[in-house]
Amino acid sequence: MTAREEVLAYALSFADVYTERPFRDQNWQLVRIKGSKKTFLWIYDRGGYLNLNVKVAPEWRDFWRNTYPAVVAGYHQNKMHWNTIILDGTIPTQDIKRMIAESYDLIADSPTKRIYEAVKKIPKGCVATYGMIAALAGDPNMARAVGNALHKNPDPANIPCYRVVNAKGELSGSFAFGGEAAQEKLLQADGIEVINGRVDLEKYQWKFK
């Protein structure tokens, strides 16, 4: 991914977004979220390459900068919260898209972000159901969205999706991170007893306030 058209096509695939060139310098193109008008992607040519400014979570900021020399502190923006991606051909398209998607989630405060934040709160030694996480994320009716989000978990080390079970206390039959037995082993390491693929919710369900 090195062309402006390709970047724009991907950025505009997100919900409720639009693009504009609000500055006198038409080189700068912004992709914003409708309603709030907040910008999650800045596109501009600089130094012979297309550059992208994206919002980044603190825990990922240095990871991306250390992984790719072409990811640097945000140009003309808060360097604690923004990265600049220099599209010089050295960064895989999938990672460019991931950084853009993360920026969108941060700026939009998307349901996926709220789901991940809710899951992070589940204490060790406890489990939560998909419905509980949906309610904590602001919509009790999006239990299925919780499952989809957790199976795309970008940071399993910090988002303990293995602590989420169904309404009967049953584990996932196709656990996304490490194979079918991984969820049971992780729960057991937390001190949670698993019997025949099920957790006793009366004993281990998180009693959040």
C-alpha atoms as a PDB file:
ATOM      1  CA  MET A   1       0.000   0.000   0.000  1.00  0.00           C
ATOM      2  CA  THR A   2       1.731   3.162  -1.219  1.00  0.00           C
ATOM      3  CA  ALA A   3      -0.878   5.057  -3.281  1.00  0.00           C
ATOM      4  CA  ARG A   4      -3.221   7.718  -1.936  1.00  0.00           C
ATOM      5  CA  GLU A   5      -6.168   6.153  -3.777  1.00  0.00           C
ATOM      6  CA  GLU A   6      -5.615   2.787  -2.106  1.00  0.00           C
ATOM      7  CA  VAL A   7      -5.312   4.340   1.344  1.00  0.00           C
ATOM      8  CA  LEU A   8      -8.462   6.391   0.824  1.00  0.00           C
ATOM      9  CA  ALA A   9     -10.449   3.399  -0.411  1.00  0.00           C
ATOM     10  CA  TYR A  10      -9.610   1.510   2.772  1.00  0.00           C
ATOM     11  CA  ALA A  11     -10.190   4.471   5.098  1.00  0.00           C
ATOM     12  CA  LEU A  12     -13.572   5.211   3.550  1.00  0.00           C
ATOM     13  CA  SER A  13     -14.676   1.604   4.101  1.00  0.00           C
ATOM     14  CA  PHE A  14     -15.259   2.403   7.786  1.00  0.00           C
ATOM     15  CA  ALA A  15     -18.694   3.401   8.992  1.00  0.00           C
ATOM     16  CA  ASP A  16     -19.808   7.039   8.970  1.00  0.00           C
ATOM     17  CA  VAL A  17     -16.659   8.649   7.615  1.00  0.00           C
ATOM     18  CA  TYR A  18     -15.897  11.250   4.975  1.00  0.00           C
ATOM     19  CA  THR A  19     -12.887  12.986   3.474  1.00  0.00           C
ATOM     20  CA  GLU A  20     -12.075  16.642   2.940  1.00  0.00           C
ATOM     21  CA  ARG A  21      -9.197  19.018   2.229  1.00  0.00           C
ATOM     22  CA  PRO A  22      -9.786  21.884   4.700  1.00  0.00           C
ATOM     23  CA  PHE A  23      -6.418  23.602   4.311  1.00  0.00           C
ATOM     24  CA  ARG A  24      -5.069  25.985   1.716  1.00  0.00           C
ATOM     25  CA  ASP A  25      -2.391  23.400   0.994  1.00  0.00           C
ATOM     26  CA  GLN A  26      -4.407  20.803  -0.913  1.00  0.00           C
ATOM     27  CA  ASN A  27      -1.690  18.225  -0.331  1.00  0.00           C
ATOM     28  CA  TRP A  28      -3.277  17.594   3.074  1.00  0.00           C
ATOM     29  CA  GLN A  29      -6.316  15.328   3.030  1.00  0.00           C
ATOM     30  CA  LEU A  30      -8.247  14.338   6.151  1.00  0.00           C
ATOM     31  CA  VAL A  31     -10.594  11.432   6.809  1.00  0.00           C
ATOM     32  CA  ARG A  32     -13.117  12.318   9.489  1.00  0.00           C
ATOM     33  CA  ILE A  33     -15.973  10.735  11.408  1.00  0.00           C
ATOM     34  CA  LYS A  34     -19.429  12.129  10.728  1.00  0.00           C
ATOM     35  CA  GLY A  35     -21.125  13.849  13.627  1.00  0.00           C
ATOM     36  CA  SER A  36     -18.053  14.498  15.757  1.00  0.00           C
ATOM     37  CA  LYS A  37     -16.003  15.595  12.719  1.00  0.00           C
ATOM     38  CA  LYS A  38     -12.950  14.157  14.451  1.00  0.00           C
ATOM     39  CA  THR A  39     -10.055  13.153  12.203  1.00  0.00           C
ATOM     40  CA  PHE A  40      -8.613   9.652  12.456  1.00  0.00           C
ATOM     41  CA  LEU A  41      -6.378   9.780   9.362  1.00  0.00           C
ATOM     42  CA  TRP A  42      -4.215  12.561   7.905  1.00  0.00           C
ATOM     43  CA  ILE A  43      -2.827  11.963   4.409  1.00  0.00           C
ATOM     44  CA  TYR A  44      -0.078  14.065   2.825  1.00  0.00           C
ATOM     45  CA  ASP A  45       3.022  13.840   0.648  1.00  0.00           C
ATOM     46  CA  ARG A  46       6.329  14.585   2.339  1.00  0.00           C
ATOM     47  CA  GLY A  47       9.922  13.671   1.607  1.00  0.00           C
ATOM     48  CA  GLY A  48       9.028  11.895  -1.616  1.00  0.00           C
ATOM     49  CA  TYR A  49       6.575   9.503   0.030  1.00  0.00           C
ATOM     50  CA  LEU A  50       2.937   9.444   1.003  1.00  0.00           C
ATOM     51  CA  ASN A  51       2.640   9.927   4.781  1.00  0.00           C
ATOM     52  CA  LEU A  52      -0.199   8.983   7.126  1.00  0.00           C
ATOM     53  CA  ASN A  53      -0.802  10.335  10.608  1.00  0.00           C
ATOM     54  CA  VAL A  54      -2.755   7.934  12.840  1.00  0.00           C
ATOM     55  CA  LYS A  55      -3.868   8.002  16.475  1.00  0.00           C
ATOM     56  CA  VAL A  56      -2.218   5.282  18.538  1.00  0.00           C
ATOM     57  CA  ALA A  57      -2.792   3.775  21.965  1.00  0.00           C
ATOM     58  CA  PRO A  58       0.137   4.289  24.366  1.00  0.00           C
ATOM     59  CA  GLU A  59       0.777   0.554  24.643  1.00  0.00           C
ATOM     60  CA  TRP A  60       1.192   0.279  20.852  1.00  0.00           C
ATOM     61  CA  ARG A  61       2.954   3.566  20.112  1.00  0.00           C
ATOM     62  CA  ASP A  62       6.516   2.384  20.703  1.00  0.00           C
ATOM     63  CA  PHE A  63       5.827  -1.114  19.415  1.00  0.00           C
ATOM     64  CA  TRP A  64       5.090   0.224  15.939  1.00  0.00           C
ATOM     65  CA  ARG A  65       7.991   2.694  16.014  1.00  0.00           C
ATOM     66  CA  ASN A  66      10.414  -0.029  17.082  1.00  0.00           C
ATOM     67  CA  THR A  67       9.078  -2.561  14.578  1.00  0.00           C
ATOM     68  CA  TYR A  68       9.268  -0.352  11.479  1.00  0.00           C
ATOM     69  CA  PRO A  69      11.788   2.478  10.912  1.00  0.00           C
ATOM     70  CA  ALA A  70       9.151   4.018   8.628  1.00  0.00           C
ATOM     71  CA  VAL A  71       6.830   4.553  11.597  1.00  0.00           C
ATOM     72  CA  VAL A  72       7.890   7.661  13.501  1.00  0.00           C
ATOM     73  CA  ALA A  73       6.519  10.128  16.021  1.00  0.00           C
ATOM     74  CA  GLY A  74       3.543  12.053  14.650  1.00  0.00           C
ATOM     75  CA  TYR A  75       4.518  14.879  12.324  1.00  0.00           C
ATOM     76  CA  HIS A  76       2.948  18.180  13.430  1.00  0.00           C
ATOM     77  CA  GLN A  77       0.892  16.376  16.095  1.00  0.00           C
ATOM     78  CA  ASN A  78       1.099  15.220  19.703  1.00  0.00           C
ATOM     79  CA  LYS A  79       3.940  12.717  19.573  1.00  0.00           C
ATOM     80  CA  MET A  80       2.646  10.838  22.605  1.00  0.00           C
ATOM     81  CA  HIS A  81      -0.604   9.918  20.878  1.00  0.00           C
ATOM     82  CA  TRP A  82       0.058  10.013  17.133  1.00  0.00           C
ATOM     83  CA  ASN A  83       2.371   8.141  14.782  1.00  0.00           C
ATOM     84  CA  THR A  84       3.365   8.958  11.231  1.00  0.00           C
ATOM     85  CA  ILE A  85       3.491   6.086   8.764  1.00  0.00           C
ATOM     86  CA  ILE A  86       5.845   6.698   5.848  1.00  0.00           C
ATOM     87  CA  LEU A  87       4.643   4.609   2.918  1.00  0.00           C
ATOM     88  CA  ASP A  88       8.053   3.738   1.494  1.00  0.00           C
ATOM     89  CA  GLY A  89       7.136   0.130   0.713  1.00  0.00           C
ATOM     90  CA  THR A  90       8.753  -1.387   3.804  1.00  0.00           C
ATOM     91  CA  ILE A  91       5.583  -1.896   5.867  1.00  0.00           C
ATOM     92  CA  PRO A  92       3.218  -4.780   5.014  1.00  0.00           C
ATOM     93  CA  THR A  93      -0.209  -3.657   3.871  1.00  0.00           C
ATOM     94  CA  GLN A  94      -1.905  -5.635   6.632  1.00  0.00           C
ATOM     95  CA  ASP A  95      -0.039  -3.681   9.303  1.00  0.00           C
ATOM     96  CA  ILE A  96      -0.771  -0.345   7.638  1.00  0.00           C
ATOM     97  CA  LYS A  97      -4.458  -1.268   7.636  1.00  0.00           C
ATOM     98  CA  ARG A  98      -4.247  -2.384  11.250  1.00  0.00           C
ATOM     99  CA  MET A  99      -2.779   0.951  12.328  1.00  0.00           C
ATOM    100  CA  ILE A 100      -5.470   2.852  10.414  1.00  0.00           C
ATOM    101  CA  ALA A 101      -8.178   0.657  11.954  1.00  0.00           C
ATOM    102  CA  GLU A 102      -6.780   1.199  15.448  1.00  0.00           C
ATOM    103  CA  SER A 103      -6.813   4.944  14.863  1.00  0.00           C
ATOM    104  CA  TYR A 104     -10.443   4.775  13.760  1.00  0.00           C
ATOM    105  CA  ASP A 105     -11.388   2.764  16.855  1.00  0.00           C
ATOM    106  CA  LEU A 106      -9.642   5.217  19.168  1.00  0.00           C
ATOM    107  CA  ILE A 107     -11.219   8.284  17.598  1.00  0.00           C
ATOM    108  CA  ALA A 108     -14.665   6.762  17.085  1.00  0.00           C
ATOM    109  CA  ASP A 109     -14.826   5.111  20.517  1.00  0.00           C
ATOM    110  CA  SER A 110     -16.252   2.126  18.679  1.00  0.00           C
ATOM    111  CA  PRO A 111     -18.181  -0.763  20.249  1.00  0.00           C
ATOM    112  CA  THR A 112     -15.125  -2.957  19.669  1.00  0.00           C
ATOM    113  CA  LYS A 113     -12.989  -0.640  21.756  1.00  0.00           C
ATOM    114  CA  ARG A 114     -15.568  -0.625  24.557  1.00  0.00           C
ATOM    115  CA  ILE A 115     -15.706  -4.427  24.444  1.00  0.00           C
ATOM    116  CA  TYR A 116     -11.950  -4.702  24.843  1.00  0.00           C
ATOM    117  CA  GLU A 117     -11.950  -2.223  27.708  1.00  0.00           C
ATOM    118  CA  ALA A 118     -14.663  -4.219  29.469  1.00  0.00           C
ATOM    119  CA  VAL A 119     -12.776  -7.489  29.067  1.00  0.00           C
ATOM    120  CA  LYS A 120      -9.626  -5.924  30.526  1.00  0.00           C
ATOM    121  CA  LYS A 121     -11.539  -5.364  33.778  1.00  0.00           C
ATOM    122  CA  ILE A 122     -12.315  -9.054  34.413  1.00  0.00           C
ATOM    123  CA  PRO A 123     -10.187  -9.935  37.440  1.00  0.00           C
ATOM    124  CA  LYS A 124      -7.983 -12.988  37.633  1.00  0.00           C
ATOM    125  CA  GLY A 125      -9.892 -15.947  39.023  1.00  0.00           C
ATOM    126  CA  CYS A 126     -13.197 -14.806  37.518  1.00  0.00           C
ATOM    127  CA  VAL A 127     -15.079 -15.212  34.254  1.00  0.00           C
ATOM    128  CA  ALA A 128     -17.731 -13.114  32.539  1.00  0.00           C
ATOM    129  CA  THR A 129     -20.355 -14.068  29.999  1.00  0.00           C
ATOM    130  CA  TYR A 130     -20.693 -12.554  26.541  1.00  0.00           C
ATOM    131  CA  GLY A 131     -23.897 -10.889  27.697  1.00  0.00           C
ATOM    132  CA  MET A 132     -22.179  -9.319  30.693  1.00  0.00           C
ATOM    133  CA  ILE A 133     -19.452  -7.861  28.512  1.00  0.00           C
ATOM    134  CA  ALA A 134     -22.029  -6.576  26.030  1.00  0.00           C
ATOM    135  CA  ALA A 135     -23.843  -4.794  28.867  1.00  0.00           C
ATOM    136  CA  LEU A 136     -20.614  -3.305  30.190  1.00  0.00           C
ATOM    137  CA  ALA A 137     -19.780  -2.122  26.680  1.00  0.00           C
ATOM    138  CA  GLY A 138     -23.072  -0.246  26.519  1.00  0.00           C
ATOM    139  CA  ASP A 139     -25.403  -2.550  24.584  1.00  0.00           C
ATOM    140  CA  PRO A 140     -26.804  -5.751  26.163  1.00  0.00           C
ATOM    141  CA  ASN A 141     -27.986  -6.899  22.743  1.00  0.00           C
ATOM    142  CA  MET A 142     -24.552  -7.179  21.122  1.00  0.00           C
ATOM    143  CA  ALA A 143     -23.361 -10.445  22.690  1.00  0.00           C
ATOM    144  CA  ARG A 144     -22.595 -11.803  19.233  1.00  0.00           C
ATOM    145  CA  ALA A 145     -20.473  -8.741  18.482  1.00  0.00           C
ATOM    146  CA  VAL A 146     -18.523  -9.506  21.664  1.00  0.00           C
ATOM    147  CA  GLY A 147     -17.675 -12.960  20.309  1.00  0.00           C
ATOM    148  CA  ASN A 148     -16.592 -11.529  16.972  1.00  0.00           C
ATOM    149  CA  ALA A 149     -14.410  -8.890  18.626  1.00  0.00           C
ATOM    150  CA  LEU A 150     -12.709 -11.373  20.938  1.00  0.00           C
ATOM    151  CA  HIS A 151     -11.869 -13.708  18.078  1.00  0.00           C
ATOM    152  CA  LYS A 152     -10.076 -10.772  16.447  1.00  0.00           C
ATOM    153  CA  ASN A 153      -8.328  -9.778  19.671  1.00  0.00           C
ATOM    154  CA  PRO A 154      -5.277  -7.654  18.664  1.00  0.00           C
ATOM    155  CA  ASP A 155      -3.593  -7.883  22.070  1.00  0.00           C
ATOM    156  CA  PRO A 156      -4.374 -11.155  23.890  1.00  0.00           C
ATOM    157  CA  ALA A 157      -1.592 -10.528  26.411  1.00  0.00           C
ATOM    158  CA  ASN A 158      -3.520  -7.528  27.768  1.00  0.00           C
ATOM    159  CA  ILE A 159      -7.099  -8.356  26.742  1.00  0.00           C
ATOM    160  CA  PRO A 160      -7.896 -11.651  28.531  1.00  0.00           C
ATOM    161  CA  CYS A 161     -10.571 -12.928  26.182  1.00  0.00           C
ATOM    162  CA  TYR A 162     -10.153 -16.430  27.597  1.00  0.00           C
ATOM    163  CA  ARG A 163     -12.037 -15.221  30.694  1.00  0.00           C
ATOM    164  CA  VAL A 164     -15.235 -14.847  28.644  1.00  0.00           C
ATOM    165  CA  VAL A 165     -17.613 -17.827  28.435  1.00  0.00           C
ATOM    166  CA  ASN A 166     -21.162 -18.320  27.232  1.00  0.00           C
ATOM    167  CA  ALA A 167     -24.321 -17.996  29.340  1.00  0.00           C
ATOM    168  CA  LYS A 168     -24.005 -21.620  30.473  1.00  0.00           C
ATOM    169  CA  GLY A 169     -20.371 -21.231  31.488  1.00  0.00           C
ATOM    170  CA  GLU A 170     -19.192 -23.188  28.460  1.00  0.00           C
ATOM    171  CA  LEU A 171     -15.834 -22.559  26.844  1.00  0.00           C
ATOM    172  CA  SER A 172     -15.399 -21.763  23.183  1.00  0.00           C
ATOM    173  CA  GLY A 173     -15.159 -24.872  21.045  1.00  0.00           C
ATOM    174  CA  SER A 174     -12.797 -23.156  18.636  1.00  0.00           C
ATOM    175  CA  PHE A 175     -10.768 -20.877  20.869  1.00  0.00           C
ATOM    176  CA  ALA A 176      -8.921 -18.405  18.661  1.00  0.00           C
ATOM    177  CA  PHE A 177      -5.609 -18.175  20.461  1.00  0.00           C
ATOM    178  CA  GLY A 178      -3.534 -21.332  20.633  1.00  0.00           C
ATOM    179  CA  GLY A 179      -6.003 -24.104  19.832  1.00  0.00           C
ATOM    180  CA  GLU A 180      -9.029 -25.717  21.437  1.00  0.00           C
ATOM    181  CA  ALA A 181      -7.361 -26.570  24.760  1.00  0.00           C
ATOM    182  CA  ALA A 182      -5.770 -23.144  25.244  1.00  0.00           C
ATOM    183  CA  GLN A 183      -8.735 -21.493  26.933  1.00  0.00           C
ATOM    184  CA  GLU A 184      -9.083 -24.276  29.494  1.00  0.00           C
ATOM    185  CA  LYS A 185      -5.372 -24.169  30.340  1.00  0.00           C
ATOM    186  CA  LEU A 186      -5.392 -20.393  30.747  1.00  0.00           C
ATOM    187  CA  LEU A 187      -8.428 -20.527  33.009  1.00  0.00           C
ATOM    188  CA  GLN A 188      -6.855 -23.267  35.094  1.00  0.00           C
ATOM    189  CA  ALA A 189      -3.730 -21.138  35.424  1.00  0.00           C
ATOM    190  CA  ASP A 190      -6.022 -18.427  36.850  1.00  0.00           C
ATOM    191  CA  GLY A 191      -7.217 -20.897  39.468  1.00  0.00           C
ATOM    192  CA  ILE A 192     -10.550 -21.581  37.777  1.00  0.00           C
ATOM    193  CA  GLU A 193     -11.811 -25.154  37.693  1.00  0.00           C
ATOM    194  CA  VAL A 194     -13.050 -26.406  34.330  1.00  0.00           C
ATOM    195  CA  ILE A 195     -15.167 -29.562  34.244  1.00  0.00           C
ATOM    196  CA  ASN A 196     -16.224 -31.059  30.919  1.00  0.00           C
ATOM    197  CA  GLY A 197     -15.593 -27.781  29.118  1.00  0.00           C
ATOM    198  CA  ARG A 198     -17.659 -25.742  31.539  1.00  0.00           C
ATOM    199  CA  VAL A 199     -17.052 -23.260  34.383  1.00  0.00           C
ATOM    200  CA  ASP A 200     -19.342 -23.069  37.412  1.00  0.00           C
ATOM    201  CA  LEU A 201     -20.786 -19.578  37.049  1.00  0.00           C
ATOM    202  CA  GLU A 202     -22.172 -19.541  40.582  1.00  0.00           C
ATOM    203  CA  LYS A 203     -18.631 -19.963  41.857  1.00  0.00           C
ATOM    204  CA  TYR A 204     -16.519 -18.029  39.356  1.00  0.00           C
ATOM    205  CA  GLN A 205     -18.730 -15.429  37.680  1.00  0.00           C
ATOM    206  CA  TRP A 206     -17.424 -11.903  38.109  1.00  0.00           C
ATOM    207  CA  LYS A 207     -19.593  -9.904  40.509  1.00  0.00           C
ATOM    208  CA  PHE A 208     -18.962  -6.465  39.094  1.00  0.00           C
ATOM    209  CA  LYS A 209     -20.566  -3.320  40.441  1.00  0.00           C
END
